[in-house]
N, C-alpha and C. Protein backbone atom coordinates (compact mmCIF):
# COMPACT_ATOMS: atom_id res chain seq x y z
N MET A 1 94.17 80.71 93.32
CA MET A 1 94.92 81.78 92.68
C MET A 1 95.64 82.56 93.77
N SER A 2 96.86 82.95 93.49
CA SER A 2 97.68 83.71 94.43
C SER A 2 97.82 85.16 93.97
N LYS A 3 98.33 85.97 94.87
CA LYS A 3 98.59 87.38 94.57
C LYS A 3 100.10 87.59 94.59
N PHE A 4 100.58 88.36 93.62
CA PHE A 4 102.00 88.61 93.49
C PHE A 4 102.26 90.11 93.43
N LEU A 5 103.43 90.50 93.93
CA LEU A 5 103.91 91.86 93.79
C LEU A 5 105.05 91.83 92.78
N VAL A 6 104.94 92.68 91.77
CA VAL A 6 105.97 92.78 90.75
C VAL A 6 106.59 94.17 90.85
N THR A 7 107.91 94.23 90.90
CA THR A 7 108.59 95.52 90.78
C THR A 7 109.35 95.49 89.46
N VAL A 8 109.30 96.61 88.78
CA VAL A 8 109.92 96.73 87.47
C VAL A 8 110.84 97.93 87.47
N GLN A 9 112.07 97.73 87.07
CA GLN A 9 113.01 98.83 86.85
C GLN A 9 113.10 99.06 85.34
N PHE A 10 113.17 100.32 84.92
CA PHE A 10 113.30 100.63 83.51
C PHE A 10 114.09 101.92 83.35
N THR A 11 114.60 102.14 82.16
CA THR A 11 115.25 103.39 81.80
C THR A 11 114.45 103.98 80.65
N TRP A 12 113.81 105.11 80.89
CA TRP A 12 112.90 105.72 79.92
C TRP A 12 113.65 106.12 78.65
N SER A 13 112.99 105.89 77.50
CA SER A 13 113.59 106.24 76.21
C SER A 13 112.51 106.68 75.23
N ASP A 14 112.92 107.32 74.16
CA ASP A 14 111.97 107.72 73.11
C ASP A 14 111.31 106.50 72.48
N GLU A 15 112.06 105.42 72.37
CA GLU A 15 111.52 104.18 71.81
C GLU A 15 110.36 103.66 72.67
N MET A 16 110.52 103.74 73.98
CA MET A 16 109.44 103.31 74.88
C MET A 16 108.23 104.21 74.74
N ALA A 17 108.46 105.51 74.58
CA ALA A 17 107.36 106.48 74.46
C ALA A 17 106.46 106.13 73.27
N LEU A 18 107.05 105.62 72.20
CA LEU A 18 106.28 105.26 71.01
C LEU A 18 105.35 104.08 71.26
N LYS A 19 105.68 103.25 72.24
CA LYS A 19 104.90 102.04 72.53
C LYS A 19 103.98 102.21 73.73
N LEU A 20 103.99 103.40 74.33
CA LEU A 20 103.26 103.62 75.58
C LEU A 20 101.76 103.45 75.43
N GLU A 21 101.16 103.97 74.38
CA GLU A 21 99.70 103.86 74.22
C GLU A 21 99.26 102.40 74.10
N GLU A 22 99.98 101.62 73.32
CA GLU A 22 99.66 100.20 73.18
C GLU A 22 99.82 99.47 74.51
N HIS A 23 100.86 99.83 75.24
CA HIS A 23 101.10 99.24 76.57
C HIS A 23 99.96 99.56 77.52
N ARG A 24 99.54 100.84 77.56
CA ARG A 24 98.45 101.24 78.47
C ARG A 24 97.15 100.53 78.12
N THR A 25 96.89 100.33 76.83
CA THR A 25 95.69 99.59 76.41
C THR A 25 95.74 98.17 76.96
N TYR A 26 96.90 97.53 76.88
CA TYR A 26 97.04 96.16 77.40
C TYR A 26 96.88 96.13 78.92
N ILE A 27 97.54 97.03 79.63
CA ILE A 27 97.44 97.07 81.09
C ILE A 27 96.00 97.35 81.52
N ASN A 28 95.33 98.28 80.84
CA ASN A 28 93.92 98.57 81.17
C ASN A 28 93.05 97.33 80.99
N SER A 29 93.31 96.53 79.96
CA SER A 29 92.51 95.32 79.77
C SER A 29 92.75 94.33 80.91
N LEU A 30 93.99 94.24 81.40
CA LEU A 30 94.28 93.35 82.53
C LEU A 30 93.62 93.85 83.82
N ILE A 31 93.55 95.15 83.99
CA ILE A 31 92.87 95.72 85.15
C ILE A 31 91.36 95.41 85.06
N GLU A 32 90.78 95.63 83.90
CA GLU A 32 89.35 95.35 83.72
C GLU A 32 89.02 93.88 83.93
N GLU A 33 89.94 92.98 83.58
CA GLU A 33 89.75 91.54 83.77
C GLU A 33 90.08 91.10 85.19
N GLN A 34 90.47 92.04 86.04
CA GLN A 34 90.83 91.81 87.44
C GLN A 34 92.04 90.90 87.59
N ILE A 35 92.90 90.90 86.58
CA ILE A 35 94.18 90.19 86.67
C ILE A 35 95.16 91.09 87.41
N ILE A 36 95.24 92.36 87.00
CA ILE A 36 96.03 93.35 87.72
C ILE A 36 95.09 94.11 88.65
N GLU A 37 95.49 94.23 89.93
CA GLU A 37 94.70 94.99 90.90
C GLU A 37 95.21 96.41 91.06
N HIS A 38 96.53 96.57 91.08
CA HIS A 38 97.14 97.89 91.25
C HIS A 38 98.30 98.03 90.27
N TYR A 39 98.45 99.24 89.76
CA TYR A 39 99.52 99.53 88.80
C TYR A 39 99.99 100.95 89.09
N ALA A 40 101.23 101.10 89.53
CA ALA A 40 101.76 102.42 89.89
C ALA A 40 103.12 102.61 89.22
N VAL A 41 103.36 103.83 88.71
CA VAL A 41 104.61 104.14 88.02
C VAL A 41 105.21 105.40 88.63
N SER A 42 106.52 105.35 88.88
CA SER A 42 107.26 106.54 89.29
C SER A 42 108.29 106.84 88.22
N MET A 43 108.17 108.01 87.60
CA MET A 43 109.19 108.42 86.64
C MET A 43 110.43 108.92 87.38
N GLU A 44 110.23 109.37 88.61
CA GLU A 44 111.35 109.87 89.41
C GLU A 44 112.42 108.79 89.62
N VAL A 45 111.97 107.58 89.97
CA VAL A 45 112.92 106.48 90.18
C VAL A 45 112.86 105.45 89.06
N GLN A 46 112.03 105.71 88.05
CA GLN A 46 111.84 104.82 86.90
C GLN A 46 111.57 103.39 87.36
N GLN A 47 110.47 103.28 88.11
CA GLN A 47 110.07 102.00 88.66
C GLN A 47 108.55 101.86 88.57
N VAL A 48 108.11 100.60 88.42
CA VAL A 48 106.69 100.26 88.37
C VAL A 48 106.43 99.25 89.48
N TRP A 49 105.27 99.38 90.14
CA TRP A 49 104.81 98.40 91.12
C TRP A 49 103.47 97.87 90.64
N ILE A 50 103.33 96.55 90.61
CA ILE A 50 102.10 95.92 90.12
C ILE A 50 101.70 94.84 91.11
N THR A 51 100.42 94.81 91.49
CA THR A 51 99.88 93.64 92.18
C THR A 51 99.04 92.91 91.17
N ILE A 52 99.27 91.61 91.08
CA ILE A 52 98.67 90.82 90.01
C ILE A 52 98.23 89.46 90.57
N ASN A 53 97.11 88.97 90.08
CA ASN A 53 96.58 87.67 90.47
C ASN A 53 96.98 86.63 89.42
N ALA A 54 97.57 85.52 89.88
CA ALA A 54 98.01 84.46 88.97
C ALA A 54 98.21 83.18 89.78
N ASP A 55 98.43 82.09 89.07
CA ASP A 55 98.65 80.81 89.73
C ASP A 55 100.12 80.56 90.06
N SER A 56 101.03 81.27 89.38
CA SER A 56 102.45 81.04 89.60
C SER A 56 103.26 82.25 89.12
N LYS A 57 104.54 82.29 89.54
CA LYS A 57 105.44 83.34 89.06
C LYS A 57 105.60 83.25 87.55
N LYS A 58 105.64 82.03 87.04
CA LYS A 58 105.77 81.83 85.59
C LYS A 58 104.59 82.46 84.86
N GLU A 59 103.38 82.25 85.38
CA GLU A 59 102.19 82.85 84.76
C GLU A 59 102.26 84.37 84.80
N VAL A 60 102.74 84.94 85.90
CA VAL A 60 102.89 86.39 86.00
C VAL A 60 103.77 86.89 84.86
N GLU A 61 104.92 86.25 84.68
CA GLU A 61 105.84 86.68 83.63
C GLU A 61 105.25 86.47 82.24
N GLU A 62 104.49 85.39 82.05
CA GLU A 62 103.84 85.16 80.76
C GLU A 62 102.83 86.25 80.44
N VAL A 63 102.04 86.64 81.44
CA VAL A 63 101.03 87.69 81.24
C VAL A 63 101.71 89.02 80.91
N LEU A 64 102.73 89.37 81.67
CA LEU A 64 103.39 90.66 81.47
C LEU A 64 104.26 90.69 80.21
N SER A 65 104.70 89.52 79.75
CA SER A 65 105.57 89.48 78.56
C SER A 65 104.85 89.91 77.29
N VAL A 66 103.53 89.97 77.33
CA VAL A 66 102.74 90.42 76.17
C VAL A 66 102.86 91.94 75.98
N SER A 67 103.18 92.65 77.03
CA SER A 67 103.30 94.10 76.94
C SER A 67 104.39 94.50 75.96
N PRO A 68 104.14 95.52 75.14
CA PRO A 68 105.18 95.99 74.22
C PRO A 68 106.38 96.63 74.94
N LEU A 69 106.25 96.92 76.23
CA LEU A 69 107.37 97.48 76.98
C LEU A 69 108.19 96.42 77.73
N TYR A 70 107.73 95.18 77.68
CA TYR A 70 108.36 94.11 78.47
C TYR A 70 109.86 94.01 78.21
N LYS A 71 110.29 94.15 76.98
CA LYS A 71 111.72 93.97 76.67
C LYS A 71 112.61 95.04 77.32
N TYR A 72 112.00 96.13 77.79
CA TYR A 72 112.76 97.21 78.44
C TYR A 72 112.78 97.06 79.96
N TRP A 73 112.06 96.07 80.47
CA TRP A 73 111.86 95.92 81.91
C TRP A 73 112.83 94.93 82.53
N LYS A 74 113.22 95.23 83.77
CA LYS A 74 113.90 94.27 84.63
C LYS A 74 112.92 93.96 85.76
N LEU A 75 112.38 92.74 85.77
CA LEU A 75 111.32 92.36 86.72
C LEU A 75 111.85 91.63 87.94
N GLU A 76 111.15 91.83 89.03
CA GLU A 76 111.27 90.97 90.21
C GLU A 76 109.85 90.64 90.63
N VAL A 77 109.60 89.36 90.93
CA VAL A 77 108.25 88.89 91.25
C VAL A 77 108.29 88.17 92.58
N TRP A 78 107.39 88.56 93.49
CA TRP A 78 107.28 87.92 94.80
C TRP A 78 105.84 87.51 95.05
N GLU A 79 105.65 86.29 95.55
CA GLU A 79 104.33 85.86 95.97
C GLU A 79 104.02 86.48 97.33
N LEU A 80 102.81 87.00 97.48
CA LEU A 80 102.41 87.67 98.71
C LEU A 80 101.58 86.73 99.59
N VAL A 81 101.78 86.84 100.88
CA VAL A 81 100.96 86.13 101.86
C VAL A 81 99.83 87.04 102.31
N LEU A 82 100.12 88.33 102.40
CA LEU A 82 99.14 89.30 102.88
C LEU A 82 99.28 90.58 102.09
N TRP A 83 98.16 91.12 101.67
CA TRP A 83 98.10 92.43 101.01
C TRP A 83 96.81 93.05 101.50
N ASP A 84 96.92 94.12 102.25
CA ASP A 84 95.74 94.70 102.88
C ASP A 84 95.72 96.20 102.62
N GLY A 85 94.56 96.77 102.70
CA GLY A 85 94.42 98.20 102.52
C GLY A 85 92.97 98.61 102.57
N LEU A 86 92.75 99.89 102.50
CA LEU A 86 91.40 100.44 102.59
C LEU A 86 90.47 99.89 101.52
N SER A 87 90.98 99.68 100.32
CA SER A 87 90.10 99.22 99.23
C SER A 87 89.62 97.78 99.44
N TYR A 88 90.21 97.05 100.38
CA TYR A 88 89.78 95.68 100.66
C TYR A 88 88.80 95.61 101.83
N ARG A 89 88.44 96.75 102.36
CA ARG A 89 87.54 96.80 103.53
C ARG A 89 86.13 97.17 103.09
N LEU A 90 85.17 96.85 103.92
CA LEU A 90 83.80 97.28 103.65
C LEU A 90 83.71 98.77 103.85
N PRO A 91 82.86 99.44 103.10
CA PRO A 91 82.70 100.88 103.28
C PRO A 91 82.22 101.20 104.70
N ALA A 92 82.60 102.36 105.21
CA ALA A 92 82.17 102.81 106.53
C ALA A 92 80.67 103.02 106.53
N LEU A 93 80.02 102.58 107.57
CA LEU A 93 78.57 102.76 107.71
C LEU A 93 78.28 104.19 108.09
N GLN A 94 77.38 104.85 107.35
CA GLN A 94 76.99 106.22 107.65
C GLN A 94 75.48 106.27 107.85
N LEU A 95 75.09 106.65 109.04
CA LEU A 95 73.66 106.76 109.34
C LEU A 95 73.12 108.07 108.80
N ASN A 96 71.91 108.04 108.27
CA ASN A 96 71.29 109.27 107.74
C ASN A 96 70.79 110.15 108.84
């Protein structure tokens, strides 16, 4: 399984707002299933960043296409070679 970075551009609308709760329920289920690792949204630039585990770019798009907001999104998908950060490290050892 590979890791992918997805960037999503969108233009916020009242129609999207009506579908937001259903979308969040779907995204939360993908996070709980460890398919999505990170999900970040900026309303300032109307962009979403997602790190997702899948076997191919096609699978990434298939998984995300289930979202009720998918039709409003312009996606770009890149396969990652390296994704590192504090959450991937062992906790710091603290002596009592």
